C-alpha atoms as a PDB file:
ATOM      1  CA  UNK A   1     126.736  -6.438  31.042  1.00  0.00           C
ATOM      2  CA  UNK A   2     128.030  -2.884  31.179  1.00  0.00           C
ATOM      3  CA  UNK A   3     124.503  -1.449  30.776  1.00  0.00           C
ATOM      4  CA  UNK A   4     123.327  -3.485  33.779  1.00  0.00           C
ATOM      5  CA  UNK A   5     126.277  -2.316  35.856  1.00  0.00           C
ATOM      6  CA  UNK A   6     125.627   1.261  34.826  1.00  0.00           C
ATOM      7  CA  UNK A   7     121.979   0.961  35.778  1.00  0.00           C
ATOM      8  CA  UNK A   8     122.969  -0.522  39.151  1.00  0.00           C
ATOM      9  CA  UNK A   9     125.412   2.323  39.721  1.00  0.00           C
ATOM     10  CA  UNK A  10     122.683   4.855  39.043  1.00  0.00           C
ATOM     11  CA  UNK A  11     120.345   3.148  41.496  1.00  0.00           C
ATOM     12  CA  UNK A  12     123.065   3.228  44.193  1.00  0.00           C
ATOM     13  CA  UNK A  13     123.791   6.909  43.470  1.00  0.00           C
ATOM     14  CA  UNK A  14     120.097   7.740  43.729  1.00  0.00           C
ATOM     15  CA  UNK A  15     119.835   5.830  47.014  1.00  0.00           C
ATOM     16  CA  UNK A  16     122.682   7.840  48.490  1.00  0.00           C
ATOM     17  CA  UNK A  17     121.195  11.104  47.262  1.00  0.00           C
ATOM     18  CA  UNK A  18     117.863  10.183  48.856  1.00  0.00           C
ATOM     19  CA  UNK A  19     119.625   9.167  52.051  1.00  0.00           C
ATOM     20  CA  UNK A  20     121.444  12.477  52.447  1.00  0.00           C
ATOM     21  CA  UNK A  21     118.224  14.350  51.654  1.00  0.00           C
ATOM     22  CA  UNK A  22     115.586  12.400  53.569  1.00  0.00           C
ATOM     23  CA  UNK A  23     117.207  10.663  56.563  1.00  0.00           C
ATOM     24  CA  UNK A  24     118.080  13.896  58.426  1.00  0.00           C
ATOM     25  CA  UNK A  25     114.445  14.954  58.149  1.00  0.00           C
ATOM     26  CA  UNK A  26     113.097  11.829  59.874  1.00  0.00           C
ATOM     27  CA  UNK A  27     113.308  10.717  63.532  1.00  0.00           C
ATOM     28  CA  UNK A  28     116.572   8.991  64.356  1.00  0.00           C
ATOM     29  CA  UNK A  29     115.350   5.859  66.154  1.00  0.00           C
ATOM     30  CA  UNK A  30     112.827   4.707  63.525  1.00  0.00           C
ATOM     31  CA  UNK A  31     115.353   5.222  60.664  1.00  0.00           C
ATOM     32  CA  UNK A  32     118.023   3.407  62.665  1.00  0.00           C
ATOM     33  CA  UNK A  33     115.600   0.462  63.073  1.00  0.00           C
ATOM     34  CA  UNK A  34     115.021   0.475  59.321  1.00  0.00           C
ATOM     35  CA  UNK A  35     118.746   0.249  58.640  1.00  0.00           C
ATOM     36  CA  UNK A  36     119.102  -2.616  61.127  1.00  0.00           C
ATOM     37  CA  UNK A  37     116.234  -4.423  59.381  1.00  0.00           C
ATOM     38  CA  UNK A  38     117.948  -3.952  56.020  1.00  0.00           C
ATOM     39  CA  UNK A  39     121.207  -5.234  57.434  1.00  0.00           C
ATOM     40  CA  UNK A  40     119.497  -8.394  58.710  1.00  0.00           C
ATOM     41  CA  UNK A  41     117.826  -8.930  55.341  1.00  0.00           C
ATOM     42  CA  UNK A  42     121.116  -8.619  53.484  1.00  0.00           C
ATOM     43  CA  UNK A  43     122.841 -10.939  55.945  1.00  0.00           C
ATOM     44  CA  UNK A  44     120.101 -13.554  55.675  1.00  0.00           C
ATOM     45  CA  UNK A  45     120.404 -13.677  51.897  1.00  0.00           C
ATOM     46  CA  UNK A  46     124.033 -14.933  52.244  1.00  0.00           C
ATOM     47  CA  UNK A  47     125.368 -12.940  49.281  1.00  0.00           C
ATOM     48  CA  UNK A  48     129.020 -12.745  48.249  1.00  0.00           C
ATOM     49  CA  UNK A  49     129.803  -9.767  50.465  1.00  0.00           C
ATOM     50  CA  UNK A  50     128.329 -11.415  53.568  1.00  0.00           C
ATOM     51  CA  UNK A  51     130.197 -14.662  52.906  1.00  0.00           C
ATOM     52  CA  UNK A  52     133.445 -12.820  52.368  1.00  0.00           C
ATOM     53  CA  UNK A  53     132.955 -10.842  55.599  1.00  0.00           C
ATOM     54  CA  UNK A  54     132.399 -14.059  57.514  1.00  0.00           C
ATOM     55  CA  UNK A  55     135.402 -15.704  55.867  1.00  0.00           C
ATOM     56  CA  UNK A  56     137.545 -12.770  56.990  1.00  0.00           C
ATOM     57  CA  UNK A  57     136.075 -12.865  60.490  1.00  0.00           C
ATOM     58  CA  UNK A  58     136.726 -16.601  60.699  1.00  0.00           C
ATOM     59  CA  UNK A  59     140.434 -15.890  60.080  1.00  0.00           C
ATOM     60  CA  UNK A  60     140.413 -13.127  62.626  1.00  0.00           C
ATOM     61  CA  UNK A  61     138.762 -15.250  65.366  1.00  0.00           C
ATOM     62  CA  UNK A  62     140.250 -18.633  64.485  1.00  0.00           C
ATOM     63  CA  UNK A  63     136.745 -20.125  64.407  1.00  0.00           C
ATOM     64  CA  UNK A  64     135.229 -22.298  61.647  1.00  0.00           C
ATOM     65  CA  UNK A  65     133.566 -20.184  58.981  1.00  0.00           C
ATOM     66  CA  UNK A  66     130.371 -22.202  59.296  1.00  0.00           C
ATOM     67  CA  UNK A  67     130.183 -21.941  63.067  1.00  0.00           C
ATOM     68  CA  UNK A  68     127.265 -20.274  64.764  1.00  0.00           C
ATOM     69  CA  UNK A  69     129.636 -17.788  66.389  1.00  0.00           C
ATOM     70  CA  UNK A  70     130.968 -16.582  63.056  1.00  0.00           C
ATOM     71  CA  UNK A  71     127.475 -16.355  61.614  1.00  0.00           C
ATOM     72  CA  UNK A  72     126.335 -14.213  64.536  1.00  0.00           C
ATOM     73  CA  UNK A  73     129.469 -12.095  64.273  1.00  0.00           C
ATOM     74  CA  UNK A  74     128.752 -11.604  60.565  1.00  0.00           C
ATOM     75  CA  UNK A  75     125.203 -10.460  61.406  1.00  0.00           C
ATOM     76  CA  UNK A  76     126.565  -7.999  63.935  1.00  0.00           C
ATOM     77  CA  UNK A  77     129.122  -6.869  61.349  1.00  0.00           C
ATOM     78  CA  UNK A  78     126.417  -6.133  58.792  1.00  0.00           C
ATOM     79  CA  UNK A  79     124.463  -4.171  61.382  1.00  0.00           C
ATOM     80  CA  UNK A  80     127.582  -2.149  62.118  1.00  0.00           C
ATOM     81  CA  UNK A  81     128.136  -1.543  58.406  1.00  0.00           C
ATOM     82  CA  UNK A  82     124.547  -0.370  57.817  1.00  0.00           C
ATOM     83  CA  UNK A  83     124.764   1.740  60.937  1.00  0.00           C
ATOM     84  CA  UNK A  84     127.718   3.527  59.310  1.00  0.00           C
ATOM     85  CA  UNK A  85     125.493   4.541  56.356  1.00  0.00           C
ATOM     86  CA  UNK A  86     122.665   5.616  58.577  1.00  0.00           C
ATOM     87  CA  UNK A  87     125.085   7.841  60.494  1.00  0.00           C
ATOM     88  CA  UNK A  88     126.763   9.460  57.495  1.00  0.00           C
ATOM     89  CA  UNK A  89     123.388  10.510  56.175  1.00  0.00           C
ATOM     90  CA  UNK A  90     122.778  12.309  59.498  1.00  0.00           C
ATOM     91  CA  UNK A  91     126.288  13.672  60.048  1.00  0.00           C
ATOM     92  CA  UNK A  92     125.929  16.846  57.956  1.00  0.00           C
ATOM     93  CA  UNK A  93     122.973  17.952  60.050  1.00  0.00           C
ATOM     94  CA  UNK A  94     124.615  17.122  63.421  1.00  0.00           C
ATOM     95  CA  UNK A  95     126.147  19.884  65.509  1.00  0.00           C
ATOM     96  CA  UNK A  96     129.891  19.666  66.084  1.00  0.00           C
ATOM     97  CA  UNK A  97     129.318  19.810  69.803  1.00  0.00           C
ATOM     98  CA  UNK A  98     127.241  16.632  69.682  1.00  0.00           C
ATOM     99  CA  UNK A  99     129.784  14.781  67.567  1.00  0.00           C
ATOM    100  CA  UNK A 100     132.613  15.728  69.948  1.00  0.00           C
ATOM    101  CA  UNK A 101     130.517  14.918  73.058  1.00  0.00           C
ATOM    102  CA  UNK A 102     129.553  11.516  71.761  1.00  0.00           C
ATOM    103  CA  UNK A 103     133.074  10.569  70.726  1.00  0.00           C
ATOM    104  CA  UNK A 104     134.871   8.606  73.470  1.00  0.00           C
ATOM    105  CA  UNK A 105     138.540   9.124  72.631  1.00  0.00           C
ATOM    106  CA  UNK A 106     141.625   7.402  74.078  1.00  0.00           C
ATOM    107  CA  UNK A 107     144.968   8.948  73.188  1.00  0.00           C
ATOM    108  CA  UNK A 108     143.868  12.285  71.719  1.00  0.00           C
ATOM    109  CA  UNK A 109     146.912  13.822  73.341  1.00  0.00           C
ATOM    110  CA  UNK A 110     149.122  12.077  70.787  1.00  0.00           C
ATOM    111  CA  UNK A 111     147.617  14.280  68.084  1.00  0.00           C
ATOM    112  CA  UNK A 112     147.370  17.433  70.138  1.00  0.00           C
ATOM    113  CA  UNK A 113     150.949  17.441  71.414  1.00  0.00           C
ATOM    114  CA  UNK A 114     152.587  16.724  68.069  1.00  0.00           C
ATOM    115  CA  UNK A 115     150.554  19.354  66.255  1.00  0.00           C
ATOM    116  CA  UNK A 116     151.208  21.890  69.051  1.00  0.00           C
ATOM    117  CA  UNK A 117     154.935  21.229  68.577  1.00  0.00           C
ATOM    118  CA  UNK A 118     154.677  21.939  64.847  1.00  0.00           C
ATOM    119  CA  UNK A 119     155.116  18.255  63.881  1.00  0.00           C
ATOM    120  CA  UNK A 120     152.918  16.676  61.265  1.00  0.00           C
ATOM    121  CA  UNK A 121     150.714  13.653  62.075  1.00  0.00           C
ATOM    122  CA  UNK A 122     149.674  10.703  59.949  1.00  0.00           C
ATOM    123  CA  UNK A 123     146.658   8.864  61.397  1.00  0.00           C
ATOM    124  CA  UNK A 124     146.402   5.364  59.896  1.00  0.00           C
ATOM    125  CA  UNK A 125     143.234   3.378  60.391  1.00  0.00           C
ATOM    126  CA  UNK A 126     141.607   0.117  59.281  1.00  0.00           C
ATOM    127  CA  UNK A 127     138.064   0.124  57.775  1.00  0.00           C
ATOM    128  CA  UNK A 128     136.324   0.061  61.125  1.00  0.00           C
ATOM    129  CA  UNK A 129     133.451   1.848  62.849  1.00  0.00           C
ATOM    130  CA  UNK A 130     132.562   5.214  61.379  1.00  0.00           C
ATOM    131  CA  UNK A 131     135.690   6.812  59.861  1.00  0.00           C
ATOM    132  CA  UNK A 132     133.708   9.837  58.642  1.00  0.00           C
ATOM    133  CA  UNK A 133     132.458  10.518  62.168  1.00  0.00           C
ATOM    134  CA  UNK A 134     136.003  10.138  63.465  1.00  0.00           C
ATOM    135  CA  UNK A 135     137.091  12.682  60.849  1.00  0.00           C
ATOM    136  CA  UNK A 136     134.300  15.050  61.946  1.00  0.00           C
ATOM    137  CA  UNK A 137     135.518  14.688  65.539  1.00  0.00           C
ATOM    138  CA  UNK A 138     139.089  15.442  64.505  1.00  0.00           C
ATOM    139  CA  UNK A 139     138.017  18.603  62.656  1.00  0.00           C
ATOM    140  CA  UNK A 140     135.782  19.523  65.580  1.00  0.00           C
ATOM    141  CA  UNK A 141     138.675  19.511  68.029  1.00  0.00           C
ATOM    142  CA  UNK A 142     140.732  21.783  65.787  1.00  0.00           C
ATOM    143  CA  UNK A 143     142.583  19.519  63.373  1.00  0.00           C
ATOM    144  CA  UNK A 144     141.372  19.771  59.765  1.00  0.00           C
ATOM    145  CA  UNK A 145     143.137  17.136  57.680  1.00  0.00           C
ATOM    146  CA  UNK A 146     143.826  15.742  54.245  1.00  0.00           C
ATOM    147  CA  UNK A 147     142.817  12.271  53.105  1.00  0.00           C
ATOM    148  CA  UNK A 148     142.615  10.130  49.961  1.00  0.00           C
ATOM    149  CA  UNK A 149     139.313   8.630  48.762  1.00  0.00           C
ATOM    150  CA  UNK A 150     138.771   5.607  46.529  1.00  0.00           C
ATOM    151  CA  UNK A 151     137.029   6.640  43.368  1.00  0.00           C
ATOM    152  CA  UNK A 152     133.468   5.380  43.365  1.00  0.00           C
ATOM    153  CA  UNK A 153     131.097   4.698  40.502  1.00  0.00           C
ATOM    154  CA  UNK A 154     129.263   6.467  39.072  1.00  0.00           C
ATOM    155  CA  UNK A 155     131.102   9.804  39.080  1.00  0.00           C
ATOM    156  CA  UNK A 156     128.102  11.556  40.528  1.00  0.00           C
ATOM    157  CA  UNK A 157     128.272   9.407  43.662  1.00  0.00           C
ATOM    158  CA  UNK A 158     131.980  10.059  44.019  1.00  0.00           C
ATOM    159  CA  UNK A 159     131.430  13.823  43.733  1.00  0.00           C
ATOM    160  CA  UNK A 160     128.653  13.664  46.262  1.00  0.00           C
ATOM    161  CA  UNK A 161     130.852  11.679  48.712  1.00  0.00           C
ATOM    162  CA  UNK A 162     133.682  14.235  48.243  1.00  0.00           C
ATOM    163  CA  UNK A 163     131.261  17.115  48.844  1.00  0.00           C
ATOM    164  CA  UNK A 164     129.971  15.344  51.969  1.00  0.00           C
ATOM    165  CA  UNK A 165     133.502  14.950  53.385  1.00  0.00           C
ATOM    166  CA  UNK A 166     134.572  18.424  52.413  1.00  0.00           C
ATOM    167  CA  UNK A 167     131.478  19.696  54.150  1.00  0.00           C
ATOM    168  CA  UNK A 168     132.786  18.047  57.335  1.00  0.00           C
ATOM    169  CA  UNK A 169     136.089  19.944  56.923  1.00  0.00           C
ATOM    170  CA  UNK A 170     138.293  17.375  55.173  1.00  0.00           C
ATOM    171  CA  UNK A 171     140.574  17.926  52.184  1.00  0.00           C
ATOM    172  CA  UNK A 172     139.842  15.032  49.871  1.00  0.00           C
ATOM    173  CA  UNK A 173     142.274  13.796  47.214  1.00  0.00           C
ATOM    174  CA  UNK A 174     141.072  11.178  44.691  1.00  0.00           C
ATOM    175  CA  UNK A 175     142.999   7.891  44.733  1.00  0.00           C
ATOM    176  CA  UNK A 176     142.864   7.816  40.930  1.00  0.00           C
ATOM    177  CA  UNK A 177     142.040  10.340  38.218  1.00  0.00           C
ATOM    178  CA  UNK A 178     143.660  13.304  40.025  1.00  0.00           C
ATOM    179  CA  UNK A 179     146.904  15.102  39.249  1.00  0.00           C
ATOM    180  CA  UNK A 180     148.970  12.016  40.212  1.00  0.00           C
ATOM    181  CA  UNK A 181     150.795  13.889  42.976  1.00  0.00           C
ATOM    182  CA  UNK A 182     148.897  12.617  46.055  1.00  0.00           C
ATOM    183  CA  UNK A 183     152.003  11.546  47.940  1.00  0.00           C
ATOM    184  CA  UNK A 184     153.731  14.865  47.352  1.00  0.00           C
ATOM    185  CA  UNK A 185     150.656  16.761  48.462  1.00  0.00           C
ATOM    186  CA  UNK A 186     150.289  14.713  51.637  1.00  0.00           C
ATOM    187  CA  UNK A 187     154.060  15.068  52.342  1.00  0.00           C
ATOM    188  CA  UNK A 188     153.717  18.829  52.019  1.00  0.00           C
ATOM    189  CA  UNK A 189     150.805  18.880  54.422  1.00  0.00           C
ATOM    190  CA  UNK A 190     152.637  16.996  57.168  1.00  0.00           C
ATOM    191  CA  UNK A 191     155.915  18.845  56.630  1.00  0.00           C
ATOM    192  CA  UNK A 192     154.003  22.014  57.373  1.00  0.00           C
ATOM    193  CA  UNK A 193     152.748  20.473  60.632  1.00  0.00           C
ATOM    194  CA  UNK A 194     149.382  19.340  59.366  1.00  0.00           C
ATOM    195  CA  UNK A 195     147.384  16.169  59.782  1.00  0.00           C
ATOM    196  CA  UNK A 196     146.743  13.385  57.273  1.00  0.00           C
ATOM    197  CA  UNK A 197     144.302  10.481  57.752  1.00  0.00           C
ATOM    198  CA  UNK A 198     144.617   7.370  55.587  1.00  0.00           C
ATOM    199  CA  UNK A 199     142.967   3.901  55.499  1.00  0.00           C
ATOM    200  CA  UNK A 200     145.828   1.500  55.865  1.00  0.00           C
ATOM    201  CA  UNK A 201     144.982  -2.206  55.993  1.00  0.00           C
ATOM    202  CA  UNK A 202     143.941  -2.837  52.371  1.00  0.00           C
ATOM    203  CA  UNK A 203     146.152  -2.057  49.400  1.00  0.00           C
ATOM    204  CA  UNK A 204     144.319  -0.619  46.377  1.00  0.00           C
ATOM    205  CA  UNK A 205     147.385   0.391  44.376  1.00  0.00           C
ATOM    206  CA  UNK A 206     149.062  -3.024  43.736  1.00  0.00           C
ATOM    207  CA  UNK A 207     152.288  -1.526  45.117  1.00  0.00           C
ATOM    208  CA  UNK A 208     151.723  -2.260  48.774  1.00  0.00           C
ATOM    209  CA  UNK A 209     154.021  -3.668  51.430  1.00  0.00           C
ATOM    210  CA  UNK A 210     153.744  -7.292  52.436  1.00  0.00           C
ATOM    211  CA  UNK A 211     153.012  -7.918  56.167  1.00  0.00           C
ATOM    212  CA  UNK A 212     151.903 -10.810  58.353  1.00  0.00           C
ATOM    213  CA  UNK A 213     148.372 -10.244  59.459  1.00  0.00           C
ATOM    214  CA  UNK A 214     146.387 -12.769  61.504  1.00  0.00           C
ATOM    215  CA  UNK A 215     148.858 -15.464  60.582  1.00  0.00           C
ATOM    216  CA  UNK A 216     148.933 -14.994  56.813  1.00  0.00           C
ATOM    217  CA  UNK A 217     150.419 -12.569  54.302  1.00  0.00           C
ATOM    218  CA  UNK A 218     148.633  -9.557  52.924  1.00  0.00           C
ATOM    219  CA  UNK A 219     149.652  -6.197  51.492  1.00  0.00           C
ATOM    220  CA  UNK A 220     149.019  -2.855  53.144  1.00  0.00           C
ATOM    221  CA  UNK A 221     149.353   0.552  51.549  1.00  0.00           C
ATOM    222  CA  UNK A 222     152.872   1.955  51.450  1.00  0.00           C
ATOM    223  CA  UNK A 223     151.714   5.567  51.918  1.00  0.00           C
ATOM    224  CA  UNK A 224     151.369   5.847  55.707  1.00  0.00           C
ATOM    225  CA  UNK A 225     154.723   4.220  56.623  1.00  0.00           C
ATOM    226  CA  UNK A 226     156.512   5.965  53.702  1.00  0.00           C
ATOM    227  CA  UNK A 227     155.213   9.351  54.886  1.00  0.00           C
ATOM    228  CA  UNK A 228     156.581   8.652  58.378  1.00  0.00           C
ATOM    229  CA  UNK A 229     159.964   7.477  56.995  1.00  0.00           C
ATOM    230  CA  UNK A 230     160.438  10.315  54.518  1.00  0.00           C
ATOM    231  CA  UNK A 231     158.963  13.298  56.427  1.00  0.00           C
ATOM    232  CA  UNK A 232     159.468  12.490  60.082  1.00  0.00           C
ATOM    233  CA  UNK A 233     155.750  12.800  60.754  1.00  0.00           C
ATOM    234  CA  UNK A 234     154.322  10.958  63.704  1.00  0.00           C
ATOM    235  CA  UNK A 235     152.517   7.830  62.521  1.00  0.00           C
ATOM    236  CA  UNK A 236     149.606   7.115  64.872  1.00  0.00           C
ATOM    237  CA  UNK A 237     147.390   3.989  64.426  1.00  0.00           C
ATOM    238  CA  UNK A 238     143.709   4.671  65.182  1.00  0.00           C
ATOM    239  CA  UNK A 239     141.112   2.041  65.997  1.00  0.00           C
ATOM    240  CA  UNK A 240     137.443   2.958  65.547  1.00  0.00           C
ATOM    241  CA  UNK A 241     134.477   1.132  67.067  1.00  0.00           C
ATOM    242  CA  UNK A 242     130.919   1.656  68.328  1.00  0.00           C
ATOM    243  CA  UNK A 243     130.114   2.362  71.972  1.00  0.00           C
ATOM    244  CA  UNK A 244     126.394   1.936  72.428  1.00  0.00           C
ATOM    245  CA  UNK A 245     124.855   4.751  70.355  1.00  0.00           C
ATOM    246  CA  UNK A 246     128.128   6.639  70.570  1.00  0.00           C
ATOM    247  CA  UNK A 247     131.617   6.114  69.004  1.00  0.00           C
ATOM    248  CA  UNK A 248     134.981   5.016  70.309  1.00  0.00           C
ATOM    249  CA  UNK A 249     138.316   6.120  68.946  1.00  0.00           C
ATOM    250  CA  UNK A 250     141.584   4.762  70.248  1.00  0.00           C
ATOM    251  CA  UNK A 251     144.609   6.632  68.991  1.00  0.00           C
ATOM    252  CA  UNK A 252     147.696   4.590  69.767  1.00  0.00           C
ATOM    253  CA  UNK A 253     151.204   5.822  70.544  1.00  0.00           C
ATOM    254  CA  UNK A 254     153.488   6.719  67.652  1.00  0.00           C
ATOM    255  CA  UNK A 255     155.080   3.909  65.699  1.00  0.00           C
ATOM    256  CA  UNK A 256     158.792   4.477  65.747  1.00  0.00           C
ATOM    257  CA  UNK A 257     160.827   4.487  62.564  1.00  0.00           C
ATOM    258  CA  UNK A 258     163.943   2.284  62.864  1.00  0.00           C
ATOM    259  CA  UNK A 259     167.169   4.274  63.005  1.00  0.00           C
ATOM    260  CA  UNK A 260     169.020   1.849  60.788  1.00  0.00           C
ATOM    261  CA  UNK A 261     168.375   0.122  57.518  1.00  0.00           C
ATOM    262  CA  UNK A 262     167.463   1.145  53.940  1.00  0.00           C
ATOM    263  CA  UNK A 263     164.339   3.119  53.227  1.00  0.00           C
ATOM    264  CA  UNK A 264     162.619  -0.085  52.021  1.00  0.00           C
ATOM    265  CA  UNK A 265     163.578  -1.902  55.196  1.00  0.00           C
ATOM    266  CA  UNK A 266     162.330   0.911  57.351  1.00  0.00           C
ATOM    267  CA  UNK A 267     159.027   1.087  55.492  1.00  0.00           C
ATOM    268  CA  UNK A 268     158.597  -2.666  55.821  1.00  0.00           C
ATOM    269  CA  UNK A 269     159.304  -2.585  59.580  1.00  0.00           C
ATOM    270  CA  UNK A 270     156.882   0.329  60.147  1.00  0.00           C
ATOM    271  CA  UNK A 271     154.182  -1.372  58.055  1.00  0.00           C
ATOM    272  CA  UNK A 272     154.466  -4.558  60.109  1.00  0.00           C
ATOM    273  CA  UNK A 273     154.246  -2.608  63.378  1.00  0.00           C
ATOM    274  CA  UNK A 274     151.152  -0.859  62.051  1.00  0.00           C
ATOM    275  CA  UNK A 275     149.581  -4.174  61.060  1.00  0.00           C
ATOM    276  CA  UNK A 276     150.284  -5.554  64.569  1.00  0.00           C
ATOM    277  CA  UNK A 277     148.328  -2.698  66.172  1.00  0.00           C
ATOM    278  CA  UNK A 278     145.454  -3.174  63.676  1.00  0.00           C
ATOM    279  CA  UNK A 279     145.398  -6.912  64.465  1.00  0.00           C
ATOM    280  CA  UNK A 280     144.940  -6.215  68.179  1.00  0.00           C
ATOM    281  CA  UNK A 281     142.248  -3.580  67.596  1.00  0.00           C
ATOM    282  CA  UNK A 282     140.280  -5.733  65.138  1.00  0.00           C
ATOM    283  CA  UNK A 283     140.500  -8.702  67.522  1.00  0.00           C
ATOM    284  CA  UNK A 284     138.969  -6.534  70.270  1.00  0.00           C
ATOM    285  CA  UNK A 285     136.165  -5.182  68.024  1.00  0.00           C
ATOM    286  CA  UNK A 286     135.698  -7.690  65.182  1.00  0.00           C
ATOM    287  CA  UNK A 287     132.007  -6.751  64.660  1.00  0.00           C
ATOM    288  CA  UNK A 288     133.046  -3.256  63.658  1.00  0.00           C
ATOM    289  CA  UNK A 289     135.559  -4.277  60.981  1.00  0.00           C
ATOM    290  CA  UNK A 290     133.884  -3.747  57.624  1.00  0.00           C
ATOM    291  CA  UNK A 291     136.092  -5.858  55.392  1.00  0.00           C
ATOM    292  CA  UNK A 292     133.920  -7.441  52.708  1.00  0.00           C
ATOM    293  CA  UNK A 293     136.651  -7.907  50.128  1.00  0.00           C
ATOM    294  CA  UNK A 294     139.461 -10.433  49.716  1.00  0.00           C
ATOM    295  CA  UNK A 295     142.413  -9.287  51.710  1.00  0.00           C
ATOM    296  CA  UNK A 296     145.022 -12.050  52.136  1.00  0.00           C
ATOM    297  CA  UNK A 297     147.235 -13.005  49.201  1.00  0.00           C
ATOM    298  CA  UNK A 298     146.184 -16.628  49.334  1.00  0.00           C
ATOM    299  CA  UNK A 299     142.558 -15.587  48.968  1.00  0.00           C
ATOM    300  CA  UNK A 300     143.358 -13.196  46.129  1.00  0.00           C
ATOM    301  CA  UNK A 301     145.094 -16.081  44.263  1.00  0.00           C
ATOM    302  CA  UNK A 302     141.885 -18.209  44.233  1.00  0.00           C
END
């Protein structure tokens, strides 16, 4: 079993290496069409990831998981997901000016004004749209930032992903296998007036905060709300989505930290406020939410 998994990991790593090498050398429209074709093929095979995506989308929309609407939304979701990969293979060869020009941003002033005042910013986002493109935009407008990346298999793929993101101007800390001081490092960055970007609707640490999300209980990472509570950084939810061939970024107003209560109570309140903003953004752009894992506690228990 482990040998098969290892072989599969090597195939995936080779595919990513080929993508970063070959896709930028080929015309954009034909390669985009190939990725859409692959997305449709994967969707039509009805594998575990597709069925989980549609199950999650059914909860988001309130529709029956077997309905035509959810199936079509799942197909659009797979196209959005494969578009993400097509775009990250091209991003290193794209000029910063093009990335900034094609990014349609609402609320950029929330980042600019806080940083200009010397106050750190924590941007929290769900797994939507193209988060690497959004990061490239953020760097392109003058805000390099730190983030945390899930450790991928095999190690060669993880190193390549880190190199890709560092090449875009990000500081990348590994979720696991690092020095174990990620929170302290991120806190230092925002206390010095820097920017941190973190995925924030799926807990990978088993120590997340329970919130109500689309009518059921899930856990979100404690990191973003805890950074806001402990450092005074501005916590800004960001929703990412596609706009035609371009990208949309909606940076919401700061989530206020309650003035009263214990640290745990403050973190719980901030986490719920964050989840509420995510719920609205995902409802508006469900096809760009790339959640192909179990998320809600009742699903994890099955």
